[in-house]
Amino acid sequence: SKLLAAKDFTRNIIESSIDMIIAVDKNECITEFNKAAQQQFKYSSNFIIGQHVSLLYTDENEFNKLSYSLKNNQFFTGEIVNIDKNSNQFTSLLSASVIKNEQGEIMGSMGVSRDITEIKKAEEKLRRSEERYRDLFENATDLIISISDSGEILYANDSFLKTLGF
């Protein structure tokens, strides 16, 4: 039947996604936990289905903020810190929204997320590197200036400004 074919097609999309897809019922118990989620969280679907979704979050306040946003705004988008079966923490970018039935009643919610821990580490490393270079330039006794192709001063360090009296 067409309904069964549509369900199989949807199931294949969910299971083949590289993003974690997790759905919960209106009591916030897990009803859907795709292969990407199983690999990331290290839980089998047999174990996790029926568990309260807060099990996947490190911080109760952060989970409550997500839950509040879903109840009041019907969606949530942002970074959250998850925890896997082995107590390893990771940062995810989560996009979640409520699921409604034909009558408009909220049946639960669904989230799609991706582990962005490595991106966050790279951003932090870049930020620290930029701070070190800024400190070097600002505290250098040499006069340092950066000028654009059109002759506009883009940057001048403190030594340069003090020497010229600016």
N, C-alpha and C. Protein backbone atom coordinates (compact mmCIF):
# COMPACT_ATOMS: atom_id res chain seq x y z
N SER A 1 0.84 -1.20 0.00
CA SER A 1 0.00 0.00 0.00
C SER A 1 0.87 1.25 0.00
N LYS A 2 0.28 2.36 -0.41
CA LYS A 2 1.02 3.62 -0.47
C LYS A 2 1.44 4.10 0.91
N LEU A 3 0.60 3.87 1.91
CA LEU A 3 0.91 4.30 3.28
C LEU A 3 2.15 3.57 3.80
N LEU A 4 2.22 2.27 3.59
CA LEU A 4 3.38 1.50 4.02
C LEU A 4 4.64 1.94 3.28
N ALA A 5 4.51 2.19 1.97
CA ALA A 5 5.66 2.65 1.18
C ALA A 5 6.15 4.00 1.69
N ALA A 6 5.23 4.90 2.04
CA ALA A 6 5.58 6.22 2.57
C ALA A 6 6.29 6.09 3.92
N LYS A 7 5.79 5.16 4.77
CA LYS A 7 6.43 4.94 6.07
C LYS A 7 7.84 4.38 5.90
N ASP A 8 8.01 3.43 4.97
CA ASP A 8 9.34 2.86 4.70
C ASP A 8 10.29 3.93 4.18
N PHE A 9 9.80 4.79 3.30
CA PHE A 9 10.62 5.87 2.74
C PHE A 9 11.07 6.81 3.85
N THR A 10 10.14 7.20 4.72
CA THR A 10 10.45 8.09 5.85
C THR A 10 11.46 7.42 6.79
N ARG A 11 11.26 6.14 7.09
CA ARG A 11 12.17 5.40 7.96
C ARG A 11 13.57 5.38 7.37
N ASN A 12 13.69 5.16 6.05
CA ASN A 12 15.00 5.15 5.39
C ASN A 12 15.69 6.51 5.47
N ILE A 13 14.93 7.58 5.32
CA ILE A 13 15.51 8.93 5.43
C ILE A 13 16.06 9.15 6.83
N ILE A 14 15.26 8.81 7.84
CA ILE A 14 15.67 9.01 9.24
C ILE A 14 16.91 8.19 9.55
N GLU A 15 16.92 6.93 9.15
CA GLU A 15 18.03 6.03 9.48
C GLU A 15 19.31 6.36 8.71
N SER A 16 19.19 6.91 7.52
CA SER A 16 20.39 7.18 6.72
C SER A 16 20.96 8.58 6.97
N SER A 17 20.30 9.38 7.77
CA SER A 17 20.79 10.73 8.06
C SER A 17 22.12 10.69 8.81
N ILE A 18 23.04 11.58 8.45
CA ILE A 18 24.29 11.68 9.20
C ILE A 18 24.09 12.50 10.47
N ASP A 19 22.96 13.21 10.55
CA ASP A 19 22.62 13.96 11.76
C ASP A 19 21.85 13.07 12.71
N MET A 20 21.96 13.37 13.99
CA MET A 20 21.20 12.65 15.00
C MET A 20 19.75 13.12 14.93
N ILE A 21 18.83 12.19 14.87
CA ILE A 21 17.40 12.50 14.87
C ILE A 21 16.78 11.78 16.06
N ILE A 22 16.19 12.58 16.95
CA ILE A 22 15.59 12.03 18.16
C ILE A 22 14.20 12.63 18.31
N ALA A 23 13.21 11.78 18.54
CA ALA A 23 11.84 12.25 18.78
C ALA A 23 11.41 11.78 20.16
N VAL A 24 10.55 12.60 20.79
CA VAL A 24 10.00 12.25 22.10
C VAL A 24 8.49 12.43 22.09
N ASP A 25 7.82 11.73 23.01
CA ASP A 25 6.38 11.90 23.15
C ASP A 25 6.09 13.10 24.05
N LYS A 26 4.83 13.34 24.39
CA LYS A 26 4.49 14.52 25.18
C LYS A 26 4.99 14.43 26.62
N ASN A 27 5.42 13.24 27.06
CA ASN A 27 6.02 13.08 28.39
C ASN A 27 7.54 13.16 28.34
N GLU A 28 8.08 13.53 27.17
CA GLU A 28 9.52 13.69 26.93
C GLU A 28 10.28 12.36 27.01
N CYS A 29 9.56 11.26 26.70
CA CYS A 29 10.21 9.95 26.62
C CYS A 29 10.55 9.66 25.16
N ILE A 30 11.72 9.11 24.92
CA ILE A 30 12.25 8.91 23.57
C ILE A 30 11.42 7.88 22.81
N THR A 31 11.01 8.26 21.59
CA THR A 31 10.25 7.37 20.72
C THR A 31 11.01 7.06 19.43
N GLU A 32 11.98 7.89 19.09
CA GLU A 32 12.78 7.72 17.86
C GLU A 32 14.22 8.06 18.19
N PHE A 33 15.15 7.20 17.73
CA PHE A 33 16.57 7.38 18.03
C PHE A 33 17.33 6.75 16.87
N ASN A 34 17.68 7.55 15.86
CA ASN A 34 18.24 6.99 14.63
C ASN A 34 19.67 6.46 14.83
N LYS A 35 20.21 5.84 13.76
CA LYS A 35 21.53 5.22 13.84
C LYS A 35 22.62 6.22 14.21
N ALA A 36 22.55 7.43 13.66
CA ALA A 36 23.55 8.45 13.99
C ALA A 36 23.52 8.77 15.48
N ALA A 37 22.33 8.84 16.07
CA ALA A 37 22.20 9.09 17.51
C ALA A 37 22.76 7.90 18.30
N GLN A 38 22.47 6.69 17.84
CA GLN A 38 22.97 5.49 18.53
C GLN A 38 24.50 5.47 18.53
N GLN A 39 25.11 5.84 17.40
CA GLN A 39 26.57 5.86 17.32
C GLN A 39 27.16 6.95 18.21
N GLN A 40 26.56 8.13 18.21
CA GLN A 40 27.09 9.25 18.98
C GLN A 40 26.92 9.03 20.49
N PHE A 41 25.73 8.60 20.89
CA PHE A 41 25.44 8.46 22.32
C PHE A 41 25.84 7.10 22.88
N LYS A 42 26.12 6.12 22.01
CA LYS A 42 26.54 4.78 22.41
C LYS A 42 25.42 3.98 23.10
N TYR A 43 24.18 4.36 22.86
CA TYR A 43 23.03 3.61 23.39
C TYR A 43 22.38 2.85 22.25
N SER A 44 21.92 1.63 22.53
CA SER A 44 21.14 0.90 21.52
C SER A 44 19.73 1.45 21.54
N SER A 45 19.03 1.31 20.42
CA SER A 45 17.65 1.80 20.39
C SER A 45 16.79 0.99 21.35
N ASN A 46 17.09 -0.29 21.53
CA ASN A 46 16.33 -1.13 22.48
C ASN A 46 16.39 -0.57 23.90
N PHE A 47 17.56 -0.06 24.29
CA PHE A 47 17.69 0.49 25.65
C PHE A 47 17.05 1.87 25.75
N ILE A 48 17.31 2.73 24.78
CA ILE A 48 16.97 4.15 24.92
C ILE A 48 15.50 4.47 24.67
N ILE A 49 14.83 3.69 23.80
CA ILE A 49 13.41 3.96 23.53
C ILE A 49 12.62 3.81 24.83
N GLY A 50 11.87 4.85 25.17
CA GLY A 50 11.09 4.86 26.41
C GLY A 50 11.77 5.58 27.55
N GLN A 51 13.09 5.83 27.43
CA GLN A 51 13.82 6.58 28.48
C GLN A 51 13.47 8.07 28.37
N HIS A 52 13.59 8.79 29.51
CA HIS A 52 13.36 10.23 29.48
C HIS A 52 14.54 10.90 28.78
N VAL A 53 14.26 11.82 27.90
CA VAL A 53 15.29 12.44 27.06
C VAL A 53 16.33 13.23 27.86
N SER A 54 16.00 13.64 29.09
CA SER A 54 16.96 14.39 29.91
C SER A 54 18.22 13.58 30.19
N LEU A 55 18.14 12.26 30.02
CA LEU A 55 19.30 11.37 30.17
C LEU A 55 20.46 11.80 29.25
N LEU A 56 20.14 12.48 28.14
CA LEU A 56 21.14 12.83 27.13
C LEU A 56 21.78 14.21 27.35
N TYR A 57 21.39 14.88 28.43
CA TYR A 57 21.88 16.24 28.68
C TYR A 57 22.72 16.29 29.96
N THR A 58 23.79 17.08 29.93
CA THR A 58 24.68 17.19 31.09
C THR A 58 24.10 18.10 32.16
N ASP A 59 23.37 19.12 31.74
CA ASP A 59 22.94 20.17 32.65
C ASP A 59 21.41 20.25 32.68
N GLU A 60 20.85 20.05 33.86
CA GLU A 60 19.39 20.07 34.02
C GLU A 60 18.81 21.43 33.63
N ASN A 61 19.52 22.52 33.99
CA ASN A 61 19.04 23.87 33.65
C ASN A 61 18.99 24.07 32.14
N GLU A 62 20.01 23.55 31.44
CA GLU A 62 20.04 23.67 29.98
C GLU A 62 18.88 22.88 29.37
N PHE A 63 18.63 21.70 29.90
CA PHE A 63 17.50 20.90 29.42
C PHE A 63 16.18 21.62 29.68
N ASN A 64 16.05 22.23 30.86
CA ASN A 64 14.83 22.96 31.19
C ASN A 64 14.62 24.16 30.26
N LYS A 65 15.71 24.81 29.87
CA LYS A 65 15.63 25.94 28.93
C LYS A 65 15.11 25.46 27.57
N LEU A 66 15.62 24.33 27.12
CA LEU A 66 15.18 23.72 25.86
C LEU A 66 13.70 23.35 25.95
N SER A 67 13.33 22.70 27.03
CA SER A 67 11.96 22.26 27.25
C SER A 67 11.00 23.45 27.30
N TYR A 68 11.42 24.51 27.99
CA TYR A 68 10.62 25.74 28.10
C TYR A 68 10.40 26.37 26.72
N SER A 69 11.47 26.43 25.93
CA SER A 69 11.39 27.01 24.59
C SER A 69 10.44 26.21 23.70
N LEU A 70 10.50 24.89 23.80
CA LEU A 70 9.60 24.04 23.00
C LEU A 70 8.13 24.26 23.41
N LYS A 71 7.90 24.36 24.71
CA LYS A 71 6.51 24.55 25.20
C LYS A 71 5.96 25.91 24.83
N ASN A 72 6.81 26.95 24.89
CA ASN A 72 6.33 28.32 24.70
C ASN A 72 6.49 28.86 23.28
N ASN A 73 7.55 28.44 22.59
CA ASN A 73 7.81 28.95 21.24
C ASN A 73 7.57 27.91 20.16
N GLN A 74 7.39 26.66 20.57
CA GLN A 74 7.17 25.52 19.66
C GLN A 74 8.44 25.09 18.92
N PHE A 75 9.58 25.74 19.22
CA PHE A 75 10.84 25.34 18.59
C PHE A 75 12.01 25.75 19.48
N PHE A 76 13.18 25.21 19.18
CA PHE A 76 14.44 25.60 19.83
C PHE A 76 15.56 25.41 18.82
N THR A 77 16.45 26.38 18.75
CA THR A 77 17.65 26.25 17.94
C THR A 77 18.81 26.82 18.76
N GLY A 78 19.86 26.03 18.91
CA GLY A 78 21.01 26.51 19.65
C GLY A 78 21.98 25.41 19.99
N GLU A 79 23.04 25.80 20.69
CA GLU A 79 24.06 24.86 21.11
C GLU A 79 23.67 24.29 22.47
N ILE A 80 23.87 22.99 22.62
CA ILE A 80 23.60 22.33 23.89
C ILE A 80 24.74 21.35 24.17
N VAL A 81 24.91 21.01 25.44
CA VAL A 81 25.94 20.04 25.80
C VAL A 81 25.25 18.73 26.15
N ASN A 82 25.62 17.71 25.39
CA ASN A 82 25.07 16.36 25.59
C ASN A 82 26.09 15.50 26.33
N ILE A 83 25.61 14.34 26.79
CA ILE A 83 26.49 13.37 27.46
C ILE A 83 26.12 11.98 26.94
N ASP A 84 27.15 11.20 26.62
CA ASP A 84 26.88 9.86 26.09
C ASP A 84 26.86 8.82 27.21
N LYS A 85 26.68 7.58 26.84
CA LYS A 85 26.58 6.46 27.78
C LYS A 85 27.82 6.34 28.66
N ASN A 86 28.99 6.72 28.11
CA ASN A 86 30.26 6.61 28.84
C ASN A 86 30.63 7.89 29.58
N SER A 87 29.67 8.81 29.73
CA SER A 87 29.85 10.10 30.42
C SER A 87 30.75 11.07 29.67
N ASN A 88 30.96 10.86 28.37
CA ASN A 88 31.70 11.82 27.56
C ASN A 88 30.76 12.95 27.15
N GLN A 89 31.20 14.17 27.36
CA GLN A 89 30.40 15.33 26.98
C GLN A 89 30.77 15.79 25.58
N PHE A 90 29.79 16.32 24.85
CA PHE A 90 30.04 16.89 23.54
C PHE A 90 29.01 17.99 23.28
N THR A 91 29.41 18.95 22.46
CA THR A 91 28.53 20.07 22.13
C THR A 91 27.80 19.77 20.84
N SER A 92 26.50 19.99 20.84
CA SER A 92 25.68 19.76 19.65
C SER A 92 24.98 21.04 19.24
N LEU A 93 24.80 21.18 17.94
CA LEU A 93 23.93 22.23 17.42
C LEU A 93 22.59 21.56 17.18
N LEU A 94 21.58 21.99 17.92
CA LEU A 94 20.27 21.35 17.91
C LEU A 94 19.21 22.24 17.31
N SER A 95 18.39 21.66 16.46
CA SER A 95 17.19 22.31 15.95
C SER A 95 16.04 21.39 16.29
N ALA A 96 15.12 21.87 17.14
CA ALA A 96 14.02 21.03 17.60
C ALA A 96 12.69 21.76 17.44
N SER A 97 11.65 21.00 17.21
CA SER A 97 10.31 21.59 17.10
C SER A 97 9.27 20.59 17.59
N VAL A 98 8.08 21.12 17.92
CA VAL A 98 7.02 20.25 18.41
C VAL A 98 6.38 19.50 17.25
N ILE A 99 5.80 18.36 17.57
CA ILE A 99 5.04 17.55 16.60
C ILE A 99 3.58 17.62 17.01
N LYS A 100 2.71 17.97 16.06
CA LYS A 100 1.27 18.06 16.34
C LYS A 100 0.50 17.05 15.51
N ASN A 101 -0.67 16.63 16.02
CA ASN A 101 -1.55 15.77 15.24
C ASN A 101 -2.47 16.62 14.36
N GLU A 102 -3.37 15.97 13.65
CA GLU A 102 -4.27 16.68 12.72
C GLU A 102 -5.15 17.70 13.43
N GLN A 103 -5.43 17.49 14.71
CA GLN A 103 -6.27 18.41 15.48
C GLN A 103 -5.47 19.57 16.07
N GLY A 104 -4.15 19.57 15.83
CA GLY A 104 -3.30 20.65 16.34
C GLY A 104 -2.82 20.43 17.76
N GLU A 105 -3.07 19.25 18.30
CA GLU A 105 -2.61 18.94 19.65
C GLU A 105 -1.14 18.52 19.60
N ILE A 106 -0.37 18.98 20.58
CA ILE A 106 1.05 18.63 20.64
C ILE A 106 1.20 17.17 21.08
N MET A 107 1.87 16.40 20.25
CA MET A 107 2.09 14.97 20.52
C MET A 107 3.49 14.69 21.07
N GLY A 108 4.39 15.65 20.93
CA GLY A 108 5.77 15.48 21.36
C GLY A 108 6.65 16.47 20.62
N SER A 109 7.91 16.11 20.45
CA SER A 109 8.82 16.97 19.70
C SER A 109 9.89 16.13 19.03
N MET A 110 10.56 16.76 18.08
CA MET A 110 11.62 16.08 17.35
C MET A 110 12.80 17.02 17.21
N GLY A 111 13.99 16.48 17.36
CA GLY A 111 15.19 17.28 17.22
C GLY A 111 16.16 16.65 16.24
N VAL A 112 16.84 17.51 15.51
CA VAL A 112 17.92 17.11 14.61
C VAL A 112 19.15 17.84 15.11
N SER A 113 20.22 17.09 15.38
CA SER A 113 21.42 17.73 15.91
C SER A 113 22.67 17.13 15.31
N ARG A 114 23.75 17.89 15.47
CA ARG A 114 25.06 17.49 14.94
C ARG A 114 26.13 17.84 15.98
N ASP A 115 27.05 16.93 16.18
CA ASP A 115 28.17 17.15 17.10
C ASP A 115 29.08 18.23 16.51
N ILE A 116 29.25 19.34 17.25
CA ILE A 116 30.12 20.44 16.77
C ILE A 116 31.29 20.66 17.72
N THR A 117 31.62 19.64 18.52
CA THR A 117 32.70 19.75 19.50
C THR A 117 34.01 20.16 18.85
N GLU A 118 34.39 19.51 17.75
CA GLU A 118 35.66 19.83 17.09
C GLU A 118 35.68 21.25 16.54
N ILE A 119 34.54 21.70 16.02
CA ILE A 119 34.44 23.08 15.52
C ILE A 119 34.62 24.05 16.68
N LYS A 120 33.98 23.77 17.82
CA LYS A 120 34.10 24.64 19.00
C LYS A 120 35.56 24.69 19.48
N LYS A 121 36.25 23.55 19.47
CA LYS A 121 37.66 23.51 19.88
C LYS A 121 38.52 24.35 18.94
N ALA A 122 38.26 24.23 17.63
CA ALA A 122 39.02 25.00 16.64
C ALA A 122 38.78 26.49 16.81
N GLU A 123 37.52 26.88 17.06
CA GLU A 123 37.19 28.30 17.27
C GLU A 123 37.93 28.84 18.50
N GLU A 124 37.95 28.06 19.57
CA GLU A 124 38.62 28.48 20.81
C GLU A 124 40.13 28.60 20.59
N LYS A 125 40.70 27.66 19.84
CA LYS A 125 42.14 27.70 19.54
C LYS A 125 42.47 28.96 18.72
N LEU A 126 41.63 29.26 17.73
CA LEU A 126 41.82 30.45 16.91
C LEU A 126 41.70 31.72 17.75
N ARG A 127 40.71 31.76 18.65
CA ARG A 127 40.51 32.93 19.51
C ARG A 127 41.73 33.16 20.39
N ARG A 128 42.26 32.08 20.99
CA ARG A 128 43.45 32.21 21.85
C ARG A 128 44.66 32.67 21.04
N SER A 129 44.80 32.13 19.83
CA SER A 129 45.90 32.52 18.96
C SER A 129 45.81 34.01 18.60
N GLU A 130 44.61 34.47 18.26
CA GLU A 130 44.41 35.89 17.93
C GLU A 130 44.73 36.78 19.12
N GLU A 131 44.35 36.34 20.33
CA GLU A 131 44.65 37.11 21.54
C GLU A 131 46.15 37.21 21.76
N ARG A 132 46.88 36.11 21.54
CA ARG A 132 48.35 36.13 21.72
C ARG A 132 49.00 37.11 20.76
N TYR A 133 48.58 37.07 19.47
CA TYR A 133 49.15 37.99 18.49
C TYR A 133 48.80 39.43 18.80
N ARG A 134 47.57 39.67 19.26
CA ARG A 134 47.15 41.02 19.62
C ARG A 134 48.01 41.53 20.77
N ASP A 135 48.25 40.66 21.78
CA ASP A 135 49.10 41.04 22.91
C ASP A 135 50.51 41.36 22.45
N LEU A 136 51.05 40.53 21.52
CA LEU A 136 52.39 40.78 20.99
C LEU A 136 52.47 42.15 20.30
N PHE A 137 51.50 42.43 19.46
CA PHE A 137 51.49 43.71 18.74
C PHE A 137 51.31 44.89 19.69
N GLU A 138 50.37 44.77 20.62
CA GLU A 138 50.08 45.88 21.52
C GLU A 138 51.23 46.17 22.48
N ASN A 139 51.94 45.14 22.90
CA ASN A 139 53.01 45.32 23.89
C ASN A 139 54.40 45.43 23.27
N ALA A 140 54.48 45.36 21.95
CA ALA A 140 55.79 45.47 21.27
C ALA A 140 56.31 46.91 21.40
N THR A 141 57.64 47.04 21.58
CA THR A 141 58.24 48.39 21.62
C THR A 141 58.49 48.90 20.21
N ASP A 142 58.49 48.00 19.22
CA ASP A 142 58.63 48.41 17.82
C ASP A 142 57.36 49.11 17.38
N LEU A 143 57.51 49.99 16.39
CA LEU A 143 56.35 50.67 15.82
C LEU A 143 55.76 49.75 14.75
N ILE A 144 54.48 49.42 14.91
CA ILE A 144 53.83 48.52 13.97
C ILE A 144 52.59 49.20 13.41
N ILE A 145 52.51 49.19 12.07
CA ILE A 145 51.37 49.79 11.39
C ILE A 145 50.97 48.91 10.21
N SER A 146 49.68 48.88 9.93
CA SER A 146 49.16 48.15 8.78
C SER A 146 48.40 49.13 7.91
N ILE A 147 48.74 49.14 6.61
CA ILE A 147 48.15 50.12 5.68
C ILE A 147 47.52 49.37 4.51
N SER A 148 46.34 49.83 4.10
CA SER A 148 45.66 49.22 2.95
C SER A 148 46.34 49.64 1.65
N ASP A 149 45.95 48.99 0.54
CA ASP A 149 46.50 49.33 -0.78
C ASP A 149 46.25 50.79 -1.13
N SER A 150 45.16 51.36 -0.63
CA SER A 150 44.83 52.76 -0.94
C SER A 150 45.47 53.74 0.03
N GLY A 151 46.29 53.24 0.98
CA GLY A 151 47.01 54.11 1.90
C GLY A 151 46.27 54.40 3.19
N GLU A 152 45.15 53.74 3.41
CA GLU A 152 44.37 53.92 4.64
C GLU A 152 45.00 53.11 5.77
N ILE A 153 45.14 53.75 6.95
CA ILE A 153 45.71 53.05 8.11
C ILE A 153 44.65 52.09 8.66
N LEU A 154 44.99 50.82 8.66
CA LEU A 154 44.07 49.79 9.15
C LEU A 154 44.31 49.49 10.63
N TYR A 155 45.58 49.58 11.05
CA TYR A 155 45.94 49.23 12.41
C TYR A 155 47.25 49.91 12.77
N ALA A 156 47.34 50.37 14.00
CA ALA A 156 48.59 50.91 14.54
C ALA A 156 48.68 50.50 16.00
N ASN A 157 49.86 50.02 16.44
CA ASN A 157 49.99 49.60 17.84
C ASN A 157 50.25 50.81 18.75
N ASP A 158 50.21 50.55 20.07
CA ASP A 158 50.38 51.63 21.05
C ASP A 158 51.71 52.36 20.90
N SER A 159 52.79 51.61 20.64
CA SER A 159 54.12 52.24 20.49
C SER A 159 54.10 53.24 19.34
N PHE A 160 53.46 52.88 18.24
CA PHE A 160 53.36 53.76 17.08
C PHE A 160 52.58 55.03 17.46
N LEU A 161 51.45 54.84 18.11
CA LEU A 161 50.60 55.98 18.49
C LEU A 161 51.29 56.90 19.48
N LYS A 162 51.97 56.31 20.49
CA LYS A 162 52.66 57.11 21.50
C LYS A 162 53.83 57.89 20.90
N THR A 163 54.58 57.24 20.00
CA THR A 163 55.74 57.88 19.38
C THR A 163 55.30 59.08 18.55
N LEU A 164 54.19 58.96 17.86
CA LEU A 164 53.69 60.07 17.02
C LEU A 164 52.78 61.02 17.80
N GLY A 165 52.50 60.70 19.04
CA GLY A 165 51.71 61.59 19.90
C GLY A 165 50.21 61.48 19.69
N PHE A 166 49.74 60.34 19.20
CA PHE A 166 48.29 60.15 19.03
C PHE A 166 47.73 59.37 20.19
